[in-house]
PDB file of N, CA and C in Angstrom:
ATOM      1  N   MET A   1     118.971  93.472  94.488  1.00  0.00           N
ATOM      2  CA  MET A   1     118.938  93.789  95.852  1.00  0.00           C
ATOM      3  C   MET A   1     120.305  93.974  96.324  1.00  0.00           C
ATOM      4  N   ASN A   2     120.636  94.934  96.936  1.00  0.00           N
ATOM      5  CA  ASN A   2     122.005  95.032  97.651  1.00  0.00           C
ATOM      6  C   ASN A   2     121.985  94.433  99.028  1.00  0.00           C
ATOM      7  N   LYS A   3     123.003  94.379  99.593  1.00  0.00           N
ATOM      8  CA  LYS A   3     123.088  93.594 100.895  1.00  0.00           C
ATOM      9  C   LYS A   3     122.604  94.520 101.927  1.00  0.00           C
ATOM     10  N   ASN A   4     122.646  95.755 101.778  1.00  0.00           N
ATOM     11  CA  ASN A   4     122.111  96.721 102.809  1.00  0.00           C
ATOM     12  C   ASN A   4     120.665  96.739 102.937  1.00  0.00           C
ATOM     13  N   LYS A   5     120.021  96.582 101.732  1.00  0.00           N
ATOM     14  CA  LYS A   5     118.454  96.407 101.430  1.00  0.00           C
ATOM     15  C   LYS A   5     118.139  95.085 102.125  1.00  0.00           C
ATOM     16  N   SER A   6     118.881  94.106 101.684  1.00  0.00           N
ATOM     17  CA  SER A   6     118.384  92.727 102.249  1.00  0.00           C
ATOM     18  C   SER A   6     118.522  92.558 103.687  1.00  0.00           C
ATOM     19  N   LYS A   7     119.681  93.292 104.246  1.00  0.00           N
ATOM     20  CA  LYS A   7     119.788  93.187 105.844  1.00  0.00           C
ATOM     21  C   LYS A   7     118.474  94.004 106.426  1.00  0.00           C
ATOM     22  N   THR A   8     118.118  95.212 105.994  1.00  0.00           N
ATOM     23  CA  THR A   8     117.203  96.092 106.386  1.00  0.00           C
ATOM     24  C   THR A   8     115.895  95.136 106.403  1.00  0.00           C
ATOM     25  N   LEU A   9     115.446  94.602 105.437  1.00  0.00           N
ATOM     26  CA  LEU A   9     114.414  93.574 105.213  1.00  0.00           C
ATOM     27  C   LEU A   9     114.463  92.731 106.128  1.00  0.00           C
ATOM     28  N   GLY A  10     115.826  92.137 106.362  1.00  0.00           N
ATOM     29  CA  GLY A  10     115.581  90.956 107.392  1.00  0.00           C
ATOM     30  C   GLY A  10     115.539  91.329 108.522  1.00  0.00           C
ATOM     31  N   LYS A  11     116.065  92.626 109.208  1.00  0.00           N
ATOM     32  CA  LYS A  11     115.706  93.008 110.379  1.00  0.00           C
ATOM     33  C   LYS A  11     114.378  93.355 110.789  1.00  0.00           C
ATOM     34  N   LEU A  12     113.667  93.825 109.641  1.00  0.00           N
ATOM     35  CA  LEU A  12     112.232  94.205 109.951  1.00  0.00           C
ATOM     36  C   LEU A  12     111.477  93.092 110.179  1.00  0.00           C
ATOM     37  N   LEU A  13     111.781  91.929 109.579  1.00  0.00           N
ATOM     38  CA  LEU A  13     110.957  90.702 109.391  1.00  0.00           C
ATOM     39  C   LEU A  13     111.285  90.191 110.994  1.00  0.00           C
ATOM     40  N   LYS A  14     112.350  90.051 111.309  1.00  0.00           N
ATOM     41  CA  LYS A  14     112.845  89.512 112.547  1.00  0.00           C
ATOM     42  C   LYS A  14     112.176  90.336 113.751  1.00  0.00           C
ATOM     43  N   LYS A  15     112.132  91.634 113.675  1.00  0.00           N
ATOM     44  CA  LYS A  15     111.320  92.369 114.493  1.00  0.00           C
ATOM     45  C   LYS A  15     109.980  92.134 114.690  1.00  0.00           C
ATOM     46  N   GLU A  16     109.418  91.457 113.737  1.00  0.00           N
ATOM     47  CA  GLU A  16     108.108  91.312 113.758  1.00  0.00           C
ATOM     48  C   GLU A  16     107.814  89.653 114.185  1.00  0.00           C
ATOM     49  N   GLY A  17     108.877  88.821 114.338  1.00  0.00           N
ATOM     50  CA  GLY A  17     108.951  87.461 114.779  1.00  0.00           C
ATOM     51  C   GLY A  17     109.039  86.599 113.704  1.00  0.00           C
ATOM     52  N   ILE A  18     109.327  86.983 112.634  1.00  0.00           N
ATOM     53  CA  ILE A  18     109.713  86.120 111.195  1.00  0.00           C
ATOM     54  C   ILE A  18     110.902  85.846 111.128  1.00  0.00           C
ATOM     55  N   GLU A  19     111.279  84.475 111.565  1.00  0.00           N
ATOM     56  CA  GLU A  19     112.667  83.929 111.315  1.00  0.00           C
ATOM     57  C   GLU A  19     113.085  83.373 109.902  1.00  0.00           C
ATOM     58  N   ILE A  20     113.993  84.101 109.430  1.00  0.00           N
ATOM     59  CA  ILE A  20     114.399  83.594 108.105  1.00  0.00           C
ATOM     60  C   ILE A  20     115.862  83.102 108.211  1.00  0.00           C
ATOM     61  N   GLN A  21     116.253  82.401 107.159  1.00  0.00           N
ATOM     62  CA  GLN A  21     117.664  81.853 106.981  1.00  0.00           C
ATOM     63  C   GLN A  21     118.673  83.064 106.851  1.00  0.00           C
ATOM     64  N   TYR A  22     119.967  82.759 107.782  1.00  0.00           N
ATOM     65  CA  TYR A  22     120.855  83.689 107.407  1.00  0.00           C
ATOM     66  C   TYR A  22     122.082  83.079 107.074  1.00  0.00           C
ATOM     67  N   MET A  23     123.160  83.808 106.399  1.00  0.00           N
ATOM     68  CA  MET A  23     124.416  83.034 105.905  1.00  0.00           C
ATOM     69  C   MET A  23     125.111  82.717 106.908  1.00  0.00           C
ATOM     70  N   LEU A  24     125.751  81.442 106.722  1.00  0.00           N
ATOM     71  CA  LEU A  24     126.675  80.849 107.611  1.00  0.00           C
ATOM     72  C   LEU A  24     128.089  81.737 107.896  1.00  0.00           C
ATOM     73  N   ASP A  25     128.555  81.820 108.894  1.00  0.00           N
ATOM     74  CA  ASP A  25     129.780  82.481 109.130  1.00  0.00           C
ATOM     75  C   ASP A  25     130.806  81.573 109.288  1.00  0.00           C
ATOM     76  N   TRP A  26     131.512  81.359 108.173  1.00  0.00           N
ATOM     77  CA  TRP A  26     132.426  80.285 108.142  1.00  0.00           C
ATOM     78  C   TRP A  26     133.716  80.660 108.761  1.00  0.00           C
ATOM     79  N   ASP A  27     134.003  82.053 109.314  1.00  0.00           N
ATOM     80  CA  ASP A  27     135.128  82.490 110.071  1.00  0.00           C
ATOM     81  C   ASP A  27     134.903  81.931 111.455  1.00  0.00           C
ATOM     82  N   ASN A  28     133.684  81.933 111.871  1.00  0.00           N
ATOM     83  CA  ASN A  28     133.384  81.569 113.346  1.00  0.00           C
ATOM     84  C   ASN A  28     132.573  80.289 113.611  1.00  0.00           C
ATOM     85  N   THR A  29     132.487  79.405 112.727  1.00  0.00           N
ATOM     86  CA  THR A  29     131.987  78.360 112.925  1.00  0.00           C
ATOM     87  C   THR A  29     133.206  77.230 113.174  1.00  0.00           C
ATOM     88  N   HIS A  30     133.143  76.396 114.241  1.00  0.00           N
ATOM     89  CA  HIS A  30     134.252  75.608 114.536  1.00  0.00           C
ATOM     90  C   HIS A  30     134.022  74.269 114.537  1.00  0.00           C
ATOM     91  N   GLU A  31     135.194  73.394 114.679  1.00  0.00           N
ATOM     92  CA  GLU A  31     135.283  72.255 114.315  1.00  0.00           C
ATOM     93  C   GLU A  31     134.444  71.353 115.256  1.00  0.00           C
ATOM     94  N   ASP A  32     134.117  71.976 116.525  1.00  0.00           N
ATOM     95  CA  ASP A  32     133.173  71.410 117.624  1.00  0.00           C
ATOM     96  C   ASP A  32     131.734  71.409 117.048  1.00  0.00           C
ATOM     97  N   LYS A  33     131.254  71.613 115.898  1.00  0.00           N
ATOM     98  CA  LYS A  33     130.071  71.828 115.433  1.00  0.00           C
ATOM     99  C   LYS A  33     129.313  73.095 115.887  1.00  0.00           C
ATOM    100  N   VAL A  34     129.925  74.046 116.195  1.00  0.00           N
ATOM    101  CA  VAL A  34     129.048  75.188 116.768  1.00  0.00           C
ATOM    102  C   VAL A  34     129.035  76.093 115.468  1.00  0.00           C
ATOM    103  N   ILE A  35     127.502  76.146 115.205  1.00  0.00           N
ATOM    104  CA  ILE A  35     127.385  76.865 113.736  1.00  0.00           C
ATOM    105  C   ILE A  35     126.963  78.286 114.317  1.00  0.00           C
ATOM    106  N   THR A  36     127.581  79.363 113.668  1.00  0.00           N
ATOM    107  CA  THR A  36     127.162  80.672 113.986  1.00  0.00           C
ATOM    108  C   THR A  36     126.564  81.093 112.381  1.00  0.00           C
ATOM    109  N   TYR A  37     126.131  82.289 112.466  1.00  0.00           N
ATOM    110  CA  TYR A  37     125.385  83.080 111.217  1.00  0.00           C
ATOM    111  C   TYR A  37     126.041  84.591 111.371  1.00  0.00           C
ATOM    112  N   THR A  38     126.052  85.098 110.157  1.00  0.00           N
ATOM    113  CA  THR A  38     126.174  86.423 109.763  1.00  0.00           C
ATOM    114  C   THR A  38     124.808  87.206 110.006  1.00  0.00           C
ATOM    115  N   ASP A  39     125.116  88.543 109.798  1.00  0.00           N
ATOM    116  CA  ASP A  39     123.788  89.429 109.996  1.00  0.00           C
ATOM    117  C   ASP A  39     123.280  89.511 108.530  1.00  0.00           C
ATOM    118  N   GLN A  40     123.690  88.792 107.542  1.00  0.00           N
ATOM    119  CA  GLN A  40     123.113  89.060 106.338  1.00  0.00           C
ATOM    120  C   GLN A  40     122.293  87.906 106.073  1.00  0.00           C
ATOM    121  N   PRO A  41     121.028  88.169 105.635  1.00  0.00           N
ATOM    122  CA  PRO A  41     120.159  87.182 105.286  1.00  0.00           C
ATOM    123  C   PRO A  41     120.421  86.228 104.145  1.00  0.00           C
ATOM    124  N   HIS A  42     120.233  84.923 103.899  1.00  0.00           N
ATOM    125  CA  HIS A  42     120.578  84.094 102.759  1.00  0.00           C
ATOM    126  C   HIS A  42     119.272  84.472 101.779  1.00  0.00           C
ATOM    127  N   LEU A  43     119.969  85.236 100.794  1.00  0.00           N
ATOM    128  CA  LEU A  43     119.060  85.872  99.669  1.00  0.00           C
ATOM    129  C   LEU A  43     119.236  84.968  98.339  1.00  0.00           C
ATOM    130  N   GLY A  44     118.214  84.471  97.920  1.00  0.00           N
ATOM    131  CA  GLY A  44     118.161  83.622  96.556  1.00  0.00           C
ATOM    132  C   GLY A  44     117.653  84.442  95.596  1.00  0.00           C
ATOM    133  N   SER A  45     118.230  84.241  94.236  1.00  0.00           N
ATOM    134  CA  SER A  45     117.310  85.082  93.333  1.00  0.00           C
ATOM    135  C   SER A  45     116.346  84.390  92.408  1.00  0.00           C
ATOM    136  N   ALA A  46     115.275  85.033  92.141  1.00  0.00           N
ATOM    137  CA  ALA A  46     114.079  84.319  91.318  1.00  0.00           C
ATOM    138  C   ALA A  46     113.875  85.376  90.316  1.00  0.00           C
ATOM    139  N   HIS A  47     113.158  84.752  89.257  1.00  0.00           N
ATOM    140  CA  HIS A  47     112.675  85.313  88.068  1.00  0.00           C
ATOM    141  C   HIS A  47     111.361  84.782  87.589  1.00  0.00           C
ATOM    142  N   SER A  48     110.482  85.751  87.266  1.00  0.00           N
ATOM    143  CA  SER A  48     109.147  85.214  86.897  1.00  0.00           C
ATOM    144  C   SER A  48     108.588  86.229  85.715  1.00  0.00           C
ATOM    145  N   ASN A  49     108.239  85.651  84.626  1.00  0.00           N
ATOM    146  CA  ASN A  49     107.611  86.500  83.691  1.00  0.00           C
ATOM    147  C   ASN A  49     108.567  87.642  83.316  1.00  0.00           C
ATOM    148  N   GLY A  50     109.738  87.523  83.331  1.00  0.00           N
ATOM    149  CA  GLY A  50     110.588  88.456  82.937  1.00  0.00           C
ATOM    150  C   GLY A  50     110.923  89.480  84.017  1.00  0.00           C
ATOM    151  N   PHE A  51     110.375  89.309  85.365  1.00  0.00           N
ATOM    152  CA  PHE A  51     110.705  90.285  86.339  1.00  0.00           C
ATOM    153  C   PHE A  51     111.761  89.449  87.300  1.00  0.00           C
ATOM    154  N   GLU A  52     112.710  90.430  87.859  1.00  0.00           N
ATOM    155  CA  GLU A  52     113.689  90.006  88.544  1.00  0.00           C
ATOM    156  C   GLU A  52     113.227  90.202  90.188  1.00  0.00           C
ATOM    157  N   GLY A  53     113.592  88.995  90.938  1.00  0.00           N
ATOM    158  CA  GLY A  53     113.079  89.082  92.301  1.00  0.00           C
ATOM    159  C   GLY A  53     114.098  88.243  93.261  1.00  0.00           C
ATOM    160  N   TRP A  54     113.779  88.022  94.331  1.00  0.00           N
ATOM    161  CA  TRP A  54     114.421  87.237  95.197  1.00  0.00           C
ATOM    162  C   TRP A  54     113.472  86.297  96.146  1.00  0.00           C
ATOM    163  N   TYR A  55     114.217  85.439  96.992  1.00  0.00           N
ATOM    164  CA  TYR A  55     113.488  84.834  97.942  1.00  0.00           C
ATOM    165  C   TYR A  55     114.214  84.447  99.357  1.00  0.00           C
ATOM    166  N   TYR A  56     113.545  84.594 100.313  1.00  0.00           N
ATOM    167  CA  TYR A  56     114.043  84.289 101.718  1.00  0.00           C
ATOM    168  C   TYR A  56     113.564  82.830 102.079  1.00  0.00           C
ATOM    169  N   ARG A  57     114.159  82.039 102.785  1.00  0.00           N
ATOM    170  CA  ARG A  57     113.647  80.716 103.450  1.00  0.00           C
ATOM    171  C   ARG A  57     113.521  80.875 104.711  1.00  0.00           C
ATOM    172  N   LYS A  58     112.295  80.142 105.286  1.00  0.00           N
ATOM    173  CA  LYS A  58     112.133  80.023 106.551  1.00  0.00           C
ATOM    174  C   LYS A  58     113.240  79.497 107.217  1.00  0.00           C
ATOM    175  N   PHE A  59     113.695  79.814 108.496  1.00  0.00           N
ATOM    176  CA  PHE A  59     114.641  79.348 109.309  1.00  0.00           C
ATOM    177  C   PHE A  59     114.172  78.191 110.276  1.00  0.00           C
ATOM    178  N   GLY A  60     114.567  77.124 110.213  1.00  0.00           N
ATOM    179  CA  GLY A  60     114.182  75.982 111.286  1.00  0.00           C
ATOM    180  C   GLY A  60     113.184  75.092 110.869  1.00  0.00           C
ATOM    181  N   GLY A  61     112.834  75.028 109.666  1.00  0.00           N
ATOM    182  CA  GLY A  61     111.976  74.080 108.986  1.00  0.00           C
ATOM    183  C   GLY A  61     110.500  74.393 109.269  1.00  0.00           C
ATOM    184  N   GLY A  62     109.412  73.745 108.816  1.00  0.00           N
ATOM    185  CA  GLY A  62     107.992  73.898 109.105  1.00  0.00           C
ATOM    186  C   GLY A  62     107.519  74.812 108.238  1.00  0.00           C
ATOM    187  N   ASP A  63     106.225  75.037 108.178  1.00  0.00           N
ATOM    188  CA  ASP A  63     105.431  75.936 107.426  1.00  0.00           C
ATOM    189  C   ASP A  63     105.407  77.240 108.065  1.00  0.00           C
ATOM    190  N   TRP A  64     104.881  78.356 107.204  1.00  0.00           N
ATOM    191  CA  TRP A  64     104.555  79.660 107.700  1.00  0.00           C
ATOM    192  C   TRP A  64     103.058  79.492 108.468  1.00  0.00           C
ATOM    193  N   SER A  65     102.933  80.035 109.425  1.00  0.00           N
ATOM    194  CA  SER A  65     101.528  80.165 110.047  1.00  0.00           C
ATOM    195  C   SER A  65     100.710  81.082 109.318  1.00  0.00           C
ATOM    196  N   PRO A  66      99.398  81.021 109.455  1.00  0.00           N
ATOM    197  CA  PRO A  66      98.519  82.109 108.650  1.00  0.00           C
ATOM    198  C   PRO A  66      98.938  83.713 109.085  1.00  0.00           C
ATOM    199  N   SER A  67      99.084  83.864 110.267  1.00  0.00           N
ATOM    200  CA  SER A  67      99.423  85.065 110.907  1.00  0.00           C
ATOM    201  C   SER A  67     100.909  85.588 110.374  1.00  0.00           C
ATOM    202  N   GLU A  68     101.935  84.825 110.273  1.00  0.00           N
ATOM    203  CA  GLU A  68     103.160  84.949 109.714  1.00  0.00           C
ATOM    204  C   GLU A  68     103.127  85.434 108.200  1.00  0.00           C
ATOM    205  N   LYS A  69     102.294  84.773 107.556  1.00  0.00           N
ATOM    206  CA  LYS A  69     101.928  85.190 106.127  1.00  0.00           C
ATOM    207  C   LYS A  69     101.755  86.457 106.028  1.00  0.00           C
ATOM    208  N   LYS A  70     100.602  86.874 106.667  1.00  0.00           N
ATOM    209  CA  LYS A  70     100.348  88.254 106.853  1.00  0.00           C
ATOM    210  C   LYS A  70     101.228  89.093 107.170  1.00  0.00           C
ATOM    211  N   ILE A  71     102.079  88.968 108.072  1.00  0.00           N
ATOM    212  CA  ILE A  71     103.151  89.979 108.742  1.00  0.00           C
ATOM    213  C   ILE A  71     104.059  89.826 107.414  1.00  0.00           C
ATOM    214  N   ILE A  72     104.515  88.920 107.005  1.00  0.00           N
ATOM    215  CA  ILE A  72     105.792  89.007 105.786  1.00  0.00           C
ATOM    216  C   ILE A  72     105.074  89.775 104.651  1.00  0.00           C
ATOM    217  N   LYS A  73     103.931  89.594 104.238  1.00  0.00           N
ATOM    218  CA  LYS A  73     103.373  90.267 103.125  1.00  0.00           C
ATOM    219  C   LYS A  73     103.226  91.738 103.312  1.00  0.00           C
ATOM    220  N   ARG A  74     102.823  92.169 104.678  1.00  0.00           N
ATOM    221  CA  ARG A  74     102.778  93.550 105.048  1.00  0.00           C
ATOM    222  C   ARG A  74     104.203  94.342 105.143  1.00  0.00           C
ATOM    223  N   VAL A  75     105.023  93.695 105.800  1.00  0.00           N
ATOM    224  CA  VAL A  75     106.422  93.987 105.873  1.00  0.00           C
ATOM    225  C   VAL A  75     107.092  94.152 104.596  1.00  0.00           C
ATOM    226  N   ILE A  76     107.205  93.130 103.507  1.00  0.00           N
ATOM    227  CA  ILE A  76     107.741  93.330 102.487  1.00  0.00           C
ATOM    228  C   ILE A  76     107.140  94.460 101.396  1.00  0.00           C
ATOM    229  N   GLU A  77     105.833  94.304 101.566  1.00  0.00           N
ATOM    230  CA  GLU A  77     105.387  95.529 100.796  1.00  0.00           C
ATOM    231  C   GLU A  77     105.473  96.851 100.982  1.00  0.00           C
ATOM    232  N   SER A  78     105.590  96.934 102.457  1.00  0.00           N
ATOM    233  CA  SER A  78     105.904  98.242 103.201  1.00  0.00           C
ATOM    234  C   SER A  78     107.219  98.904 102.773  1.00  0.00           C
ATOM    235  N   LYS A  79     108.137  97.987 102.150  1.00  0.00           N
ATOM    236  CA  LYS A  79     109.394  98.372 101.438  1.00  0.00           C
ATOM    237  C   LYS A  79     109.412  98.717  99.887  1.00  0.00           C
ATOM    238  N   GLY A  80     108.154  98.489  99.624  1.00  0.00           N
ATOM    239  CA  GLY A  80     107.939  98.797  98.100  1.00  0.00           C
ATOM    240  C   GLY A  80     108.416  97.536  97.017  1.00  0.00           C
ATOM    241  N   TYR A  81     108.267  96.318  97.602  1.00  0.00           N
ATOM    242  CA  TYR A  81     108.160  95.270  96.838  1.00  0.00           C
ATOM    243  C   TYR A  81     106.991  94.474  96.638  1.00  0.00           C
ATOM    244  N   LYS A  82     106.660  93.599  95.798  1.00  0.00           N
ATOM    245  CA  LYS A  82     105.615  92.811  95.584  1.00  0.00           C
ATOM    246  C   LYS A  82     105.818  91.552  95.960  1.00  0.00           C
ATOM    247  N   VAL A  83     105.009  90.772  96.697  1.00  0.00           N
ATOM    248  CA  VAL A  83     105.122  89.480  97.207  1.00  0.00           C
ATOM    249  C   VAL A  83     104.598  88.757  95.990  1.00  0.00           C
ATOM    250  N   GLY A  84     105.340  87.719  95.599  1.00  0.00           N
ATOM    251  CA  GLY A  84     104.897  86.851  94.478  1.00  0.00           C
ATOM    252  C   GLY A  84     104.319  85.672  95.003  1.00  0.00           C
ATOM    253  N   SER A  85     104.818  84.905  96.146  1.00  0.00           N
ATOM    254  CA  SER A  85     104.152  83.888  96.733  1.00  0.00           C
ATOM    255  C   SER A  85     105.009  83.636  98.080  1.00  0.00           C
ATOM    256  N   ILE A  86     104.053  83.069  98.969  1.00  0.00           N
ATOM    257  CA  ILE A  86     104.651  82.707 100.243  1.00  0.00           C
ATOM    258  C   ILE A  86     104.225  81.180 100.609  1.00  0.00           C
ATOM    259  N   ASP A  87     105.266  80.299 100.215  1.00  0.00           N
ATOM    260  CA  ASP A  87     105.059  78.879 100.190  1.00  0.00           C
ATOM    261  C   ASP A  87     105.495  78.123 101.359  1.00  0.00           C
ATOM    262  N   ASP A  88     104.722  77.129 101.718  1.00  0.00           N
ATOM    263  CA  ASP A  88     104.970  76.308 102.818  1.00  0.00           C
ATOM    264  C   ASP A  88     105.866  75.053 102.298  1.00  0.00           C
ATOM    265  N   THR A  89     106.569  74.416 103.097  1.00  0.00           N
ATOM    266  CA  THR A  89     107.409  73.386 102.838  1.00  0.00           C
ATOM    267  C   THR A  89     106.533  72.447 101.814  1.00  0.00           C
ATOM    268  N   GLU A  90     107.335  72.067 100.840  1.00  0.00           N
ATOM    269  CA  GLU A  90     106.850  71.101  99.930  1.00  0.00           C
ATOM    270  C   GLU A  90     108.035  69.863  99.684  1.00  0.00           C
ATOM    271  N   THR A  91     107.278  68.673  99.666  1.00  0.00           N
ATOM    272  CA  THR A  91     108.080  67.571  99.248  1.00  0.00           C
ATOM    273  C   THR A  91     107.615  66.851  97.955  1.00  0.00           C
ATOM    274  N   ASP A  92     108.616  66.458  97.113  1.00  0.00           N
ATOM    275  CA  ASP A  92     107.933  66.108  95.839  1.00  0.00           C
ATOM    276  C   ASP A  92     107.352  64.470  95.852  1.00  0.00           C
ATOM    277  N   ILE A  93     106.731  64.099  94.922  1.00  0.00           N
ATOM    278  CA  ILE A  93     105.601  63.071  95.019  1.00  0.00           C
ATOM    279  C   ILE A  93     106.514  61.595  95.527  1.00  0.00           C
ATOM    280  N   ASP A  94     107.586  61.443  95.275  1.00  0.00           N
ATOM    281  CA  ASP A  94     108.316  60.324  95.613  1.00  0.00           C
ATOM    282  C   ASP A  94     109.386  60.559  97.061  1.00  0.00           C
ATOM    283  N   ASP A  95     109.054  61.714  97.376  1.00  0.00           N
ATOM    284  CA  ASP A  95     109.715  61.967  98.891  1.00  0.00           C
ATOM    285  C   ASP A  95     111.198  61.921  98.779  1.00  0.00           C
ATOM    286  N   ASP A  96     111.835  62.261  97.477  1.00  0.00           N
ATOM    287  CA  ASP A  96     113.220  62.218  97.654  1.00  0.00           C
ATOM    288  C   ASP A  96     113.888  63.709  97.762  1.00  0.00           C
ATOM    289  N   ARG A  97     112.967  64.448  97.483  1.00  0.00           N
ATOM    290  CA  ARG A  97     113.373  66.068  97.697  1.00  0.00           C
ATOM    291  C   ARG A  97     112.399  66.790  98.470  1.00  0.00           C
ATOM    292  N   THR A  98     112.967  67.868  99.197  1.00  0.00           N
ATOM    293  CA  THR A  98     112.136  68.705  99.928  1.00  0.00           C
ATOM    294  C   THR A  98     112.734  70.122  99.838  1.00  0.00           C
ATOM    295  N   TRP A  99     111.675  70.928  99.685  1.00  0.00           N
ATOM    296  CA  TRP A  99     111.953  72.359  99.645  1.00  0.00           C
ATOM    297  C   TRP A  99     111.378  73.102 100.829  1.00  0.00           C
ATOM    298  N   PRO A 100     112.275  73.782 101.520  1.00  0.00           N
ATOM    299  CA  PRO A 100     111.843  74.549 102.795  1.00  0.00           C
ATOM    300  C   PRO A 100     110.886  75.604 102.263  1.00  0.00           C
ATOM    301  N   ALA A 101     110.021  76.052 103.465  1.00  0.00           N
ATOM    302  CA  ALA A 101     109.030  77.280 103.376  1.00  0.00           C
ATOM    303  C   ALA A 101     109.886  78.410 102.685  1.00  0.00           C
ATOM    304  N   SER A 102     109.058  79.177 101.732  1.00  0.00           N
ATOM    305  CA  SER A 102     110.080  80.378 101.594  1.00  0.00           C
ATOM    306  C   SER A 102     108.900  81.655 101.095  1.00  0.00           C
ATOM    307  N   VAL A 103     109.613  82.620 100.841  1.00  0.00           N
ATOM    308  CA  VAL A 103     108.660  83.857 100.410  1.00  0.00           C
ATOM    309  C   VAL A 103     109.506  84.384  99.286  1.00  0.00           C
ATOM    310  N   THR A 104     108.846  84.555  98.067  1.00  0.00           N
ATOM    311  CA  THR A 104     109.281  85.111  96.867  1.00  0.00           C
ATOM    312  C   THR A 104     108.832  86.654  96.709  1.00  0.00           C
ATOM    313  N   PHE A 105     109.738  87.418  96.419  1.00  0.00           N
ATOM    314  CA  PHE A 105     109.130  89.109  96.186  1.00  0.00           C
ATOM    315  C   PHE A 105     110.061  89.588  94.989  1.00  0.00           C
ATOM    316  N   PHE A 106     109.381  90.574  94.400  1.00  0.00           N
ATOM    317  CA  PHE A 106     109.895  91.293  93.224  1.00  0.00           C
ATOM    318  C   PHE A 106     109.972  92.700  93.555  1.00  0.00           C
ATOM    319  N   LYS A 107     110.758  93.378  92.476  1.00  0.00           N
ATOM    320  CA  LYS A 107     110.577  94.733  92.167  1.00  0.00           C
ATOM    321  C   LYS A 107     109.330  95.217  91.951  1.00  0.00           C
ATOM    322  N   VAL A 108     108.861  96.398  91.970  1.00  0.00           N
ATOM    323  CA  VAL A 108     107.652  96.858  91.542  1.00  0.00           C
ATOM    324  C   VAL A 108     108.140  97.960  90.637  1.00  0.00           C
ATOM    325  N   TYR A 109     107.639  97.775  89.375  1.00  0.00           N
ATOM    326  CA  TYR A 109     107.938  98.547  88.088  1.00  0.00           C
ATOM    327  C   TYR A 109     106.908  99.328  87.910  1.00  0.00           C
ATOM    328  N   ASP A 110     107.117 100.623  87.643  1.00  0.00           N
ATOM    329  CA  ASP A 110     106.205 101.676  87.321  1.00  0.00           C
ATOM    330  C   ASP A 110     105.773 101.318  85.844  1.00  0.00           C
ATOM    331  N   LYS A 111     104.511 101.073  85.410  1.00  0.00           N
ATOM    332  CA  LYS A 111     104.026 100.439  84.073  1.00  0.00           C
ATOM    333  C   LYS A 111     104.124 101.574  83.108  1.00  0.00           C
ATOM    334  N   THR A 112     104.112 102.782  83.630  1.00  0.00           N
ATOM    335  CA  THR A 112     104.187 103.837  82.876  1.00  0.00           C
ATOM    336  C   THR A 112     105.362 104.071  82.204  1.00  0.00           C
ATOM    337  N   SER A 113     106.555 103.712  82.805  1.00  0.00           N
ATOM    338  CA  SER A 113     107.992 103.715  82.320  1.00  0.00           C
ATOM    339  C   SER A 113     108.492 102.468  81.336  1.00  0.00           C
ATOM    340  N   MET A 114     107.667 101.738  81.188  1.00  0.00           N
ATOM    341  CA  MET A 114     107.807 100.408  80.343  1.00  0.00           C
ATOM    342  C   MET A 114     107.332 100.549  78.954  1.00  0.00           C
TER     343      MET A 114
END
């Protein structure tokens, strides 16, 4: 996914009230601990069963609400992607690692061209 498509998708989610993580703006983050962000969503890469995909993480911690999950699925699918999973925050069994809530999505491939 290119930066423009990611940015567009991030804006659509934000317009619907969905807060995802954005890239830190290192040029404007100051020594006095003022953290600023760019307009580029933090986009991670994902792969599942040979399919290329990506993920966004929820900003600010916590879990997605049921209504947020519906909105996320609707918005992402409206742009031609398939939602793989919408996961809430997860902590491993011995509490030494935590993964933030996230949404994973994939390109939709035309099965007739495969």
